[in-house]
């Protein structure tokens, strides 16, 4: 699906229209012919933020943290997500 693209000038002139469209689909705003920003709904923004994850390395963990992780057991209910783990 291609994203709707509008110039910054058109966006400024018709911001209400593009806000309404962004409730249904992202709107890319271009400047000098290149996409510079994307307007999305607050629901889509919240969904994307929920997907944020912080990646840590082993150096970020204490020995006690690592020992606790090694001793941990997954909740049996989490087996429902096994199909999401690459083999």
C-alpha atoms as a PDB file:
ATOM      1  CA  UNK A   1       0.000   0.000   0.000  1.00  0.00           C
ATOM      2  CA  UNK A   2       1.386   3.353  -1.026  1.00  0.00           C
ATOM      3  CA  UNK A   3       1.288   6.141   1.512  1.00  0.00           C
ATOM      4  CA  UNK A   4      -0.455   9.401   0.628  1.00  0.00           C
ATOM      5  CA  UNK A   5       2.189  12.070  -0.032  1.00  0.00           C
ATOM      6  CA  UNK A   6       1.553  15.809   0.157  1.00  0.00           C
ATOM      7  CA  UNK A   7       3.795  18.846  -0.105  1.00  0.00           C
ATOM      8  CA  UNK A   8       4.473  20.848   3.041  1.00  0.00           C
ATOM      9  CA  UNK A   9       2.694  23.846   1.493  1.00  0.00           C
ATOM     10  CA  UNK A  10      -0.415  21.791   0.680  1.00  0.00           C
ATOM     11  CA  UNK A  11      -0.303  20.251   4.144  1.00  0.00           C
ATOM     12  CA  UNK A  12      -0.241  23.696   5.759  1.00  0.00           C
ATOM     13  CA  UNK A  13      -3.161  24.921   3.639  1.00  0.00           C
ATOM     14  CA  UNK A  14      -5.273  21.815   4.339  1.00  0.00           C
ATOM     15  CA  UNK A  15      -4.062  20.554   7.706  1.00  0.00           C
ATOM     16  CA  UNK A  16      -7.547  19.613   8.928  1.00  0.00           C
ATOM     17  CA  UNK A  17      -8.158  17.453   5.868  1.00  0.00           C
ATOM     18  CA  UNK A  18      -4.854  15.625   6.302  1.00  0.00           C
ATOM     19  CA  UNK A  19      -5.434  15.171  10.031  1.00  0.00           C
ATOM     20  CA  UNK A  20      -8.697  13.414   9.179  1.00  0.00           C
ATOM     21  CA  UNK A  21      -6.968  11.211   6.603  1.00  0.00           C
ATOM     22  CA  UNK A  22      -4.197  10.357   9.078  1.00  0.00           C
ATOM     23  CA  UNK A  23      -6.825   8.801  11.343  1.00  0.00           C
ATOM     24  CA  UNK A  24      -7.178   6.098   8.669  1.00  0.00           C
ATOM     25  CA  UNK A  25      -3.757   5.984   7.018  1.00  0.00           C
ATOM     26  CA  UNK A  26      -0.315   7.631   7.352  1.00  0.00           C
ATOM     27  CA  UNK A  27       0.253  10.888   5.470  1.00  0.00           C
ATOM     28  CA  UNK A  28       3.801  11.640   4.295  1.00  0.00           C
ATOM     29  CA  UNK A  29       4.660  15.338   4.149  1.00  0.00           C
ATOM     30  CA  UNK A  30       7.293  16.210   1.549  1.00  0.00           C
ATOM     31  CA  UNK A  31       9.720  19.083   1.418  1.00  0.00           C
ATOM     32  CA  UNK A  32      11.613  19.719  -1.805  1.00  0.00           C
ATOM     33  CA  UNK A  33      10.161  16.481  -3.177  1.00  0.00           C
ATOM     34  CA  UNK A  34      11.490  14.283  -0.355  1.00  0.00           C
ATOM     35  CA  UNK A  35       9.510  12.827   2.523  1.00  0.00           C
ATOM     36  CA  UNK A  36      10.366  14.744   5.683  1.00  0.00           C
ATOM     37  CA  UNK A  37       7.676  13.733   8.173  1.00  0.00           C
ATOM     38  CA  UNK A  38       4.755  11.359   8.514  1.00  0.00           C
ATOM     39  CA  UNK A  39       1.472  12.184  10.227  1.00  0.00           C
ATOM     40  CA  UNK A  40      -0.176   9.195  11.945  1.00  0.00           C
ATOM     41  CA  UNK A  41      -3.067   8.742  14.359  1.00  0.00           C
ATOM     42  CA  UNK A  42      -2.433   8.671  18.083  1.00  0.00           C
ATOM     43  CA  UNK A  43      -3.616   5.050  18.110  1.00  0.00           C
ATOM     44  CA  UNK A  44      -0.993   4.078  15.533  1.00  0.00           C
ATOM     45  CA  UNK A  45       1.675   6.013  17.436  1.00  0.00           C
ATOM     46  CA  UNK A  46       0.749   4.199  20.673  1.00  0.00           C
ATOM     47  CA  UNK A  47       0.866   0.837  18.859  1.00  0.00           C
ATOM     48  CA  UNK A  48       4.332   1.597  17.537  1.00  0.00           C
ATOM     49  CA  UNK A  49       5.563   2.781  20.945  1.00  0.00           C
ATOM     50  CA  UNK A  50       4.392  -0.484  22.509  1.00  0.00           C
ATOM     51  CA  UNK A  51       6.696  -2.255  20.071  1.00  0.00           C
ATOM     52  CA  UNK A  52       9.745  -0.288  21.280  1.00  0.00           C
ATOM     53  CA  UNK A  53      12.257  -2.432  23.047  1.00  0.00           C
ATOM     54  CA  UNK A  54      15.512  -1.579  24.687  1.00  0.00           C
ATOM     55  CA  UNK A  55      18.354  -3.882  23.679  1.00  0.00           C
ATOM     56  CA  UNK A  56      20.893  -4.643  26.382  1.00  0.00           C
ATOM     57  CA  UNK A  57      24.233  -6.408  26.171  1.00  0.00           C
ATOM     58  CA  UNK A  58      25.743  -8.763  28.728  1.00  0.00           C
ATOM     59  CA  UNK A  59      27.870  -5.889  30.041  1.00  0.00           C
ATOM     60  CA  UNK A  60      24.631  -4.199  31.157  1.00  0.00           C
ATOM     61  CA  UNK A  61      23.837  -7.045  33.602  1.00  0.00           C
ATOM     62  CA  UNK A  62      25.355  -7.807  36.974  1.00  0.00           C
ATOM     63  CA  UNK A  63      26.410 -11.358  37.864  1.00  0.00           C
ATOM     64  CA  UNK A  64      23.304 -11.556  40.072  1.00  0.00           C
ATOM     65  CA  UNK A  65      21.101 -10.513  37.128  1.00  0.00           C
ATOM     66  CA  UNK A  66      22.603 -13.216  34.913  1.00  0.00           C
ATOM     67  CA  UNK A  67      22.223 -15.860  37.634  1.00  0.00           C
ATOM     68  CA  UNK A  68      18.575 -14.895  38.120  1.00  0.00           C
ATOM     69  CA  UNK A  69      17.944 -15.128  34.375  1.00  0.00           C
ATOM     70  CA  UNK A  70      19.599 -18.547  34.205  1.00  0.00           C
ATOM     71  CA  UNK A  71      17.348 -19.798  37.007  1.00  0.00           C
ATOM     72  CA  UNK A  72      14.136 -18.368  35.582  1.00  0.00           C
ATOM     73  CA  UNK A  73      11.407 -20.492  34.012  1.00  0.00           C
ATOM     74  CA  UNK A  74       8.864 -19.246  31.478  1.00  0.00           C
ATOM     75  CA  UNK A  75       5.205 -19.061  32.398  1.00  0.00           C
ATOM     76  CA  UNK A  76       3.495 -22.098  30.798  1.00  0.00           C
ATOM     77  CA  UNK A  77       0.999 -19.725  29.155  1.00  0.00           C
ATOM     78  CA  UNK A  78       3.850 -18.247  27.108  1.00  0.00           C
ATOM     79  CA  UNK A  79       4.007 -21.471  25.071  1.00  0.00           C
ATOM     80  CA  UNK A  80       1.227 -19.957  22.973  1.00  0.00           C
ATOM     81  CA  UNK A  81       3.894 -17.641  21.473  1.00  0.00           C
ATOM     82  CA  UNK A  82       6.394 -20.374  20.497  1.00  0.00           C
ATOM     83  CA  UNK A  83       5.354 -20.052  16.860  1.00  0.00           C
ATOM     84  CA  UNK A  84       6.704 -16.480  16.845  1.00  0.00           C
ATOM     85  CA  UNK A  85      10.232 -17.600  17.730  1.00  0.00           C
ATOM     86  CA  UNK A  86      12.417 -18.289  14.684  1.00  0.00           C
ATOM     87  CA  UNK A  87      13.858 -21.782  14.604  1.00  0.00           C
END
